[in-house]
PDB file of N, CA and C in Angstrom:
ATOM      1  N   MET A   1      24.407  25.251  -3.797  1.00  0.00           N
ATOM      2  CA  MET A   1      25.441  24.221  -2.641  1.00  0.00           C
ATOM      3  C   MET A   1      26.448  23.517  -3.658  1.00  0.00           C
ATOM      4  N   PHE A   2      27.746  23.352  -3.387  1.00  0.00           N
ATOM      5  CA  PHE A   2      28.700  22.794  -4.038  1.00  0.00           C
ATOM      6  C   PHE A   2      28.730  21.343  -3.397  1.00  0.00           C
ATOM      7  N   GLN A   3      29.130  20.109  -4.106  1.00  0.00           N
ATOM      8  CA  GLN A   3      29.082  18.852  -3.739  1.00  0.00           C
ATOM      9  C   GLN A   3      30.694  18.398  -4.327  1.00  0.00           C
ATOM     10  N   LEU A   4      31.330  17.820  -3.707  1.00  0.00           N
ATOM     11  CA  LEU A   4      32.683  17.484  -3.954  1.00  0.00           C
ATOM     12  C   LEU A   4      32.399  16.383  -4.903  1.00  0.00           C
ATOM     13  N   PRO A   5      33.123  15.955  -5.881  1.00  0.00           N
ATOM     14  CA  PRO A   5      33.187  14.871  -6.704  1.00  0.00           C
ATOM     15  C   PRO A   5      33.550  13.535  -5.858  1.00  0.00           C
ATOM     16  N   VAL A   6      32.551  12.325  -6.389  1.00  0.00           N
ATOM     17  CA  VAL A   6      33.036  11.289  -5.915  1.00  0.00           C
ATOM     18  C   VAL A   6      34.162  10.363  -6.516  1.00  0.00           C
ATOM     19  N   ASN A   7      35.079   9.910  -5.819  1.00  0.00           N
ATOM     20  CA  ASN A   7      36.021   9.475  -6.271  1.00  0.00           C
ATOM     21  C   ASN A   7      35.818   7.746  -5.803  1.00  0.00           C
ATOM     22  N   ASN A   8      36.074   7.119  -7.055  1.00  0.00           N
ATOM     23  CA  ASN A   8      36.308   5.276  -6.329  1.00  0.00           C
ATOM     24  C   ASN A   8      34.960   5.120  -6.286  1.00  0.00           C
ATOM     25  N   LEU A   9      34.028   5.246  -7.199  1.00  0.00           N
ATOM     26  CA  LEU A   9      32.624   5.123  -7.211  1.00  0.00           C
ATOM     27  C   LEU A   9      32.406   3.333  -7.144  1.00  0.00           C
ATOM     28  N   GLY A  10      33.297   2.722  -7.579  1.00  0.00           N
ATOM     29  CA  GLY A  10      33.072   1.271  -7.548  1.00  0.00           C
ATOM     30  C   GLY A  10      33.043   0.470  -6.004  1.00  0.00           C
ATOM     31  N   SER A  11      33.911   1.250  -5.125  1.00  0.00           N
ATOM     32  CA  SER A  11      34.133   0.715  -3.996  1.00  0.00           C
ATOM     33  C   SER A  11      32.981   1.068  -3.057  1.00  0.00           C
ATOM     34  N   LEU A  12      32.514   2.415  -3.301  1.00  0.00           N
ATOM     35  CA  LEU A  12      31.021   2.826  -2.742  1.00  0.00           C
ATOM     36  C   LEU A  12      29.993   2.040  -2.903  1.00  0.00           C
ATOM     37  N   ARG A  13      30.027   1.619  -4.235  1.00  0.00           N
ATOM     38  CA  ARG A  13      28.697   0.311  -4.677  1.00  0.00           C
ATOM     39  C   ARG A  13      28.719  -0.867  -4.020  1.00  0.00           C
ATOM     40  N   LYS A  14      29.957  -1.061  -3.813  1.00  0.00           N
ATOM     41  CA  LYS A  14      30.002  -2.401  -3.583  1.00  0.00           C
ATOM     42  C   LYS A  14      30.049  -2.486  -1.860  1.00  0.00           C
ATOM     43  N   ALA A  15      30.587  -1.485  -1.420  1.00  0.00           N
ATOM     44  CA  ALA A  15      30.103  -1.302   0.429  1.00  0.00           C
ATOM     45  C   ALA A  15      28.604  -1.183   0.402  1.00  0.00           C
ATOM     46  N   ARG A  16      27.806  -0.360  -0.397  1.00  0.00           N
ATOM     47  CA  ARG A  16      26.528  -0.401  -0.361  1.00  0.00           C
ATOM     48  C   ARG A  16      25.878  -1.477  -0.419  1.00  0.00           C
ATOM     49  N   LYS A  17      26.073  -2.631  -1.229  1.00  0.00           N
ATOM     50  CA  LYS A  17      25.829  -3.828  -1.421  1.00  0.00           C
ATOM     51  C   LYS A  17      25.942  -4.739  -0.163  1.00  0.00           C
ATOM     52  N   THR A  18      27.197  -4.342   0.390  1.00  0.00           N
ATOM     53  CA  THR A  18      27.469  -5.195   1.567  1.00  0.00           C
ATOM     54  C   THR A  18      26.562  -4.936   2.788  1.00  0.00           C
ATOM     55  N   VAL A  19      26.337  -3.588   3.006  1.00  0.00           N
ATOM     56  CA  VAL A  19      25.591  -3.010   4.113  1.00  0.00           C
ATOM     57  C   VAL A  19      24.183  -3.469   3.672  1.00  0.00           C
ATOM     58  N   LYS A  20      23.593  -3.401   2.743  1.00  0.00           N
ATOM     59  CA  LYS A  20      22.323  -3.788   2.359  1.00  0.00           C
ATOM     60  C   LYS A  20      21.843  -5.447   2.612  1.00  0.00           C
ATOM     61  N   LYS A  21      23.029  -6.114   2.296  1.00  0.00           N
ATOM     62  CA  LYS A  21      23.086  -7.529   2.848  1.00  0.00           C
ATOM     63  C   LYS A  21      22.875  -7.440   4.243  1.00  0.00           C
ATOM     64  N   ILE A  22      23.722  -7.146   4.886  1.00  0.00           N
ATOM     65  CA  ILE A  22      23.984  -7.623   6.374  1.00  0.00           C
ATOM     66  C   ILE A  22      22.649  -6.910   7.064  1.00  0.00           C
ATOM     67  N   LEU A  23      22.045  -5.782   6.652  1.00  0.00           N
ATOM     68  CA  LEU A  23      20.879  -5.435   7.209  1.00  0.00           C
ATOM     69  C   LEU A  23      19.572  -6.072   6.990  1.00  0.00           C
ATOM     70  N   SER A  24      19.712  -6.569   5.818  1.00  0.00           N
ATOM     71  CA  SER A  24      18.451  -7.790   5.623  1.00  0.00           C
ATOM     72  C   SER A  24      18.723  -9.141   6.101  1.00  0.00           C
ATOM     73  N   ASP A  25      19.978  -9.637   6.569  1.00  0.00           N
ATOM     74  CA  ASP A  25      20.384 -10.524   7.459  1.00  0.00           C
ATOM     75  C   ASP A  25      19.824 -10.269   8.498  1.00  0.00           C
ATOM     76  N   ILE A  26      20.145  -9.209   9.372  1.00  0.00           N
ATOM     77  CA  ILE A  26      19.655  -8.858  10.401  1.00  0.00           C
ATOM     78  C   ILE A  26      18.075  -8.719  10.618  1.00  0.00           C
ATOM     79  N   GLY A  27      17.344  -8.119   9.637  1.00  0.00           N
ATOM     80  CA  GLY A  27      15.840  -8.183   9.770  1.00  0.00           C
ATOM     81  C   GLY A  27      15.209  -9.626   9.661  1.00  0.00           C
ATOM     82  N   LEU A  28      15.921 -10.743   8.807  1.00  0.00           N
ATOM     83  CA  LEU A  28      15.682 -11.899   8.586  1.00  0.00           C
ATOM     84  C   LEU A  28      15.825 -12.602   9.905  1.00  0.00           C
ATOM     85  N   GLU A  29      16.955 -12.530  10.497  1.00  0.00           N
ATOM     86  CA  GLU A  29      16.969 -12.955  12.061  1.00  0.00           C
ATOM     87  C   GLU A  29      16.287 -12.717  13.058  1.00  0.00           C
ATOM     88  N   TYR A  30      15.837 -11.508  12.972  1.00  0.00           N
ATOM     89  CA  TYR A  30      14.750 -10.843  13.894  1.00  0.00           C
ATOM     90  C   TYR A  30      13.394 -11.524  13.910  1.00  0.00           C
ATOM     91  N   CYS A  31      12.897 -11.623  12.340  1.00  0.00           N
ATOM     92  CA  CYS A  31      11.891 -12.249  11.792  1.00  0.00           C
ATOM     93  C   CYS A  31      11.684 -13.752  12.442  1.00  0.00           C
ATOM     94  N   LYS A  32      12.826 -14.296  12.538  1.00  0.00           N
ATOM     95  CA  LYS A  32      12.864 -15.740  12.753  1.00  0.00           C
ATOM     96  C   LYS A  32      12.822 -15.961  14.269  1.00  0.00           C
ATOM     97  N   GLU A  33      13.398 -15.163  14.881  1.00  0.00           N
ATOM     98  CA  GLU A  33      13.279 -15.335  16.513  1.00  0.00           C
ATOM     99  C   GLU A  33      12.062 -14.924  17.074  1.00  0.00           C
ATOM    100  N   HIS A  34      11.163 -13.953  16.546  1.00  0.00           N
ATOM    101  CA  HIS A  34      10.256 -13.450  16.922  1.00  0.00           C
ATOM    102  C   HIS A  34       8.789 -13.945  16.379  1.00  0.00           C
ATOM    103  N   ILE A  35       8.902 -14.873  15.471  1.00  0.00           N
ATOM    104  CA  ILE A  35       7.663 -15.355  14.402  1.00  0.00           C
ATOM    105  C   ILE A  35       6.816 -16.304  15.639  1.00  0.00           C
ATOM    106  N   GLU A  36       7.127 -16.862  16.582  1.00  0.00           N
ATOM    107  CA  GLU A  36       6.358 -17.641  17.433  1.00  0.00           C
ATOM    108  C   GLU A  36       5.750 -16.600  18.545  1.00  0.00           C
ATOM    109  N   ASP A  37       6.290 -15.375  18.818  1.00  0.00           N
ATOM    110  CA  ASP A  37       5.695 -14.325  19.517  1.00  0.00           C
ATOM    111  C   ASP A  37       4.451 -13.877  18.995  1.00  0.00           C
ATOM    112  N   PHE A  38       4.632 -13.450  17.837  1.00  0.00           N
ATOM    113  CA  PHE A  38       3.335 -12.909  16.879  1.00  0.00           C
ATOM    114  C   PHE A  38       2.385 -13.830  16.409  1.00  0.00           C
ATOM    115  N   LYS A  39       2.723 -15.336  16.640  1.00  0.00           N
ATOM    116  CA  LYS A  39       1.657 -16.352  16.357  1.00  0.00           C
ATOM    117  C   LYS A  39       0.339 -15.983  16.662  1.00  0.00           C
ATOM    118  N   GLN A  40       0.593 -15.669  17.911  1.00  0.00           N
ATOM    119  CA  GLN A  40      -0.820 -15.366  19.175  1.00  0.00           C
ATOM    120  C   GLN A  40      -1.949 -13.988  18.472  1.00  0.00           C
ATOM    121  N   PHE A  41      -1.301 -13.395  17.794  1.00  0.00           N
ATOM    122  CA  PHE A  41      -1.822 -12.568  17.231  1.00  0.00           C
ATOM    123  C   PHE A  41      -2.469 -12.459  15.792  1.00  0.00           C
ATOM    124  N   GLU A  42      -2.372 -13.548  15.155  1.00  0.00           N
ATOM    125  CA  GLU A  42      -3.068 -13.921  13.953  1.00  0.00           C
ATOM    126  C   GLU A  42      -4.688 -13.990  13.802  1.00  0.00           C
ATOM    127  N   PRO A  43      -5.157 -13.253  13.155  1.00  0.00           N
ATOM    128  CA  PRO A  43      -6.728 -13.128  13.146  1.00  0.00           C
ATOM    129  C   PRO A  43      -7.018 -14.454  12.507  1.00  0.00           C
ATOM    130  N   ASN A  44      -8.125 -14.805  12.649  1.00  0.00           N
ATOM    131  CA  ASN A  44      -8.588 -15.897  11.840  1.00  0.00           C
ATOM    132  C   ASN A  44      -9.337 -15.624  10.571  1.00  0.00           C
ATOM    133  N   ASP A  45      -9.893 -16.520   9.631  1.00  0.00           N
ATOM    134  CA  ASP A  45     -10.564 -15.938   8.332  1.00  0.00           C
ATOM    135  C   ASP A  45     -11.747 -14.972   8.390  1.00  0.00           C
ATOM    136  N   PHE A  46     -12.474 -15.310   9.232  1.00  0.00           N
ATOM    137  CA  PHE A  46     -13.273 -14.175   9.511  1.00  0.00           C
ATOM    138  C   PHE A  46     -13.270 -13.181   9.399  1.00  0.00           C
ATOM    139  N   TYR A  47     -12.175 -12.591  10.393  1.00  0.00           N
ATOM    140  CA  TYR A  47     -11.929 -11.096  10.744  1.00  0.00           C
ATOM    141  C   TYR A  47     -11.174 -10.588   9.314  1.00  0.00           C
ATOM    142  N   LEU A  48     -10.342 -11.759   8.438  1.00  0.00           N
ATOM    143  CA  LEU A  48      -9.667 -11.251   7.438  1.00  0.00           C
ATOM    144  C   LEU A  48     -10.635 -10.769   6.567  1.00  0.00           C
ATOM    145  N   LYS A  49     -11.733 -11.969   6.037  1.00  0.00           N
ATOM    146  CA  LYS A  49     -12.782 -11.335   5.049  1.00  0.00           C
ATOM    147  C   LYS A  49     -13.445 -10.459   5.565  1.00  0.00           C
ATOM    148  N   ASN A  50     -13.925 -10.221   6.797  1.00  0.00           N
ATOM    149  CA  ASN A  50     -14.857  -8.933   6.949  1.00  0.00           C
ATOM    150  C   ASN A  50     -14.232  -7.703   7.312  1.00  0.00           C
ATOM    151  N   THR A  51     -13.254  -7.426   7.148  1.00  0.00           N
ATOM    152  CA  THR A  51     -12.210  -6.209   7.161  1.00  0.00           C
ATOM    153  C   THR A  51     -11.904  -5.371   5.838  1.00  0.00           C
ATOM    154  N   THR A  52     -12.249  -4.114   5.871  1.00  0.00           N
ATOM    155  CA  THR A  52     -12.432  -3.257   4.917  1.00  0.00           C
ATOM    156  C   THR A  52     -11.082  -2.170   4.848  1.00  0.00           C
ATOM    157  N   TRP A  53     -10.778  -1.476   3.905  1.00  0.00           N
ATOM    158  CA  TRP A  53      -9.730  -0.470   4.234  1.00  0.00           C
ATOM    159  C   TRP A  53     -10.055   0.633   5.284  1.00  0.00           C
ATOM    160  N   GLU A  54     -11.229   0.977   5.453  1.00  0.00           N
ATOM    161  CA  GLU A  54     -11.596   1.813   6.243  1.00  0.00           C
ATOM    162  C   GLU A  54     -11.279   1.328   7.581  1.00  0.00           C
ATOM    163  N   ASP A  55     -11.585   0.373   8.005  1.00  0.00           N
ATOM    164  CA  ASP A  55     -11.470  -0.508   9.057  1.00  0.00           C
ATOM    165  C   ASP A  55     -10.073  -0.340   9.838  1.00  0.00           C
ATOM    166  N   VAL A  56      -8.740   0.018   8.516  1.00  0.00           N
ATOM    167  CA  VAL A  56      -7.264  -0.129   8.985  1.00  0.00           C
ATOM    168  C   VAL A  56      -6.963   1.082   8.610  1.00  0.00           C
ATOM    169  N   GLY A  57      -7.266   1.891   7.806  1.00  0.00           N
ATOM    170  CA  GLY A  57      -6.739   2.858   7.218  1.00  0.00           C
ATOM    171  C   GLY A  57      -7.465   4.368   7.848  1.00  0.00           C
ATOM    172  N   LEU A  58      -6.554   5.354   8.116  1.00  0.00           N
ATOM    173  CA  LEU A  58      -7.082   6.461   8.716  1.00  0.00           C
ATOM    174  C   LEU A  58      -7.330   7.724   7.760  1.00  0.00           C
ATOM    175  N   TRP A  59      -6.533   7.414   6.505  1.00  0.00           N
ATOM    176  CA  TRP A  59      -6.472   8.569   5.478  1.00  0.00           C
ATOM    177  C   TRP A  59      -7.725   8.367   4.630  1.00  0.00           C
ATOM    178  N   ASP A  60      -8.586   9.396   4.429  1.00  0.00           N
ATOM    179  CA  ASP A  60      -9.651   9.210   3.705  1.00  0.00           C
ATOM    180  C   ASP A  60      -9.396  10.278   2.339  1.00  0.00           C
ATOM    181  N   PRO A  61      -9.271   9.639   1.179  1.00  0.00           N
ATOM    182  CA  PRO A  61      -8.876  10.994   0.066  1.00  0.00           C
ATOM    183  C   PRO A  61     -10.002  11.691  -0.240  1.00  0.00           C
ATOM    184  N   SER A  62     -11.218  11.423   0.223  1.00  0.00           N
ATOM    185  CA  SER A  62     -12.318  12.511  -0.018  1.00  0.00           C
ATOM    186  C   SER A  62     -11.889  13.698   0.766  1.00  0.00           C
ATOM    187  N   LEU A  63     -11.323  13.643   1.718  1.00  0.00           N
ATOM    188  CA  LEU A  63     -11.064  15.002   2.612  1.00  0.00           C
ATOM    189  C   LEU A  63      -9.927  15.584   2.335  1.00  0.00           C
ATOM    190  N   THR A  64      -9.103  15.341   1.262  1.00  0.00           N
ATOM    191  CA  THR A  64      -7.746  15.892   0.632  1.00  0.00           C
ATOM    192  C   THR A  64      -8.233  16.726  -0.633  1.00  0.00           C
ATOM    193  N   LYS A  65      -7.372  16.737  -1.355  1.00  0.00           N
ATOM    194  CA  LYS A  65      -7.238  17.779  -2.425  1.00  0.00           C
ATOM    195  C   LYS A  65      -8.111  17.642  -3.438  1.00  0.00           C
ATOM    196  N   ASN A  66      -8.998  18.851  -3.926  1.00  0.00           N
ATOM    197  CA  ASN A  66     -10.039  18.283  -4.588  1.00  0.00           C
ATOM    198  C   ASN A  66      -9.243  17.697  -5.882  1.00  0.00           C
ATOM    199  N   GLN A  67     -10.268  16.966  -6.729  1.00  0.00           N
ATOM    200  CA  GLN A  67      -9.754  15.979  -7.502  1.00  0.00           C
ATOM    201  C   GLN A  67      -9.803  16.240  -8.777  1.00  0.00           C
ATOM    202  N   THR A  68     -10.151  17.526  -9.221  1.00  0.00           N
ATOM    203  CA  THR A  68     -10.380  17.883 -10.396  1.00  0.00           C
ATOM    204  C   THR A  68      -9.477  18.111 -11.228  1.00  0.00           C
ATOM    205  N   SER A  69      -9.522  17.825 -12.791  1.00  0.00           N
ATOM    206  CA  SER A  69      -8.134  18.040 -13.331  1.00  0.00           C
ATOM    207  C   SER A  69      -8.353  19.464 -14.185  1.00  0.00           C
ATOM    208  N   SER A  70      -7.133  19.776 -14.586  1.00  0.00           N
ATOM    209  CA  SER A  70      -6.959  21.245 -15.332  1.00  0.00           C
ATOM    210  C   SER A  70      -7.921  21.169 -16.587  1.00  0.00           C
ATOM    211  N   SER A  71      -7.715  20.072 -17.194  1.00  0.00           N
ATOM    212  CA  SER A  71      -8.557  20.047 -18.362  1.00  0.00           C
ATOM    213  C   SER A  71     -10.241  20.379 -18.080  1.00  0.00           C
ATOM    214  N   VAL A  72     -10.694  20.084 -17.037  1.00  0.00           N
ATOM    215  CA  VAL A  72     -12.161  20.218 -16.657  1.00  0.00           C
ATOM    216  C   VAL A  72     -12.350  21.666 -16.569  1.00  0.00           C
ATOM    217  N   ILE A  73     -11.268  22.279 -15.570  1.00  0.00           N
ATOM    218  CA  ILE A  73     -11.249  23.537 -15.175  1.00  0.00           C
ATOM    219  C   ILE A  73     -11.214  24.542 -16.132  1.00  0.00           C
ATOM    220  N   SER A  74     -10.383  24.344 -17.343  1.00  0.00           N
ATOM    221  CA  SER A  74     -10.287  25.230 -18.584  1.00  0.00           C
ATOM    222  C   SER A  74     -11.282  25.077 -19.306  1.00  0.00           C
ATOM    223  N   GLY A  75     -12.323  24.119 -19.464  1.00  0.00           N
ATOM    224  CA  GLY A  75     -13.252  24.046 -20.133  1.00  0.00           C
ATOM    225  C   GLY A  75     -13.143  23.843 -21.703  1.00  0.00           C
ATOM    226  N   SER A  76     -11.873  23.156 -21.974  1.00  0.00           N
ATOM    227  CA  SER A  76     -11.715  22.721 -23.390  1.00  0.00           C
ATOM    228  C   SER A  76     -12.373  21.353 -23.845  1.00  0.00           C
ATOM    229  N   PRO A  77     -12.540  21.398 -25.005  1.00  0.00           N
ATOM    230  CA  PRO A  77     -13.762  20.303 -25.266  1.00  0.00           C
ATOM    231  C   PRO A  77     -13.101  18.879 -25.366  1.00  0.00           C
TER     232      PRO A  77
END
């Protein structure tokens, strides 16, 4: 696949920084507007201290790919 060469790379980088700043400002505004709405969902310390990864994560690494390394398989000393 052929890709056209990029001209005026400086202006692209400048525009990317501007877009990133605008998006982060929008996200910050959203958080500030809705912080009070989400405070009622804040758990107390009892729940935070008694929560494990298995309580919140659905992924179990033991059910995925076998964890043996190639050096163990080849039998090298």
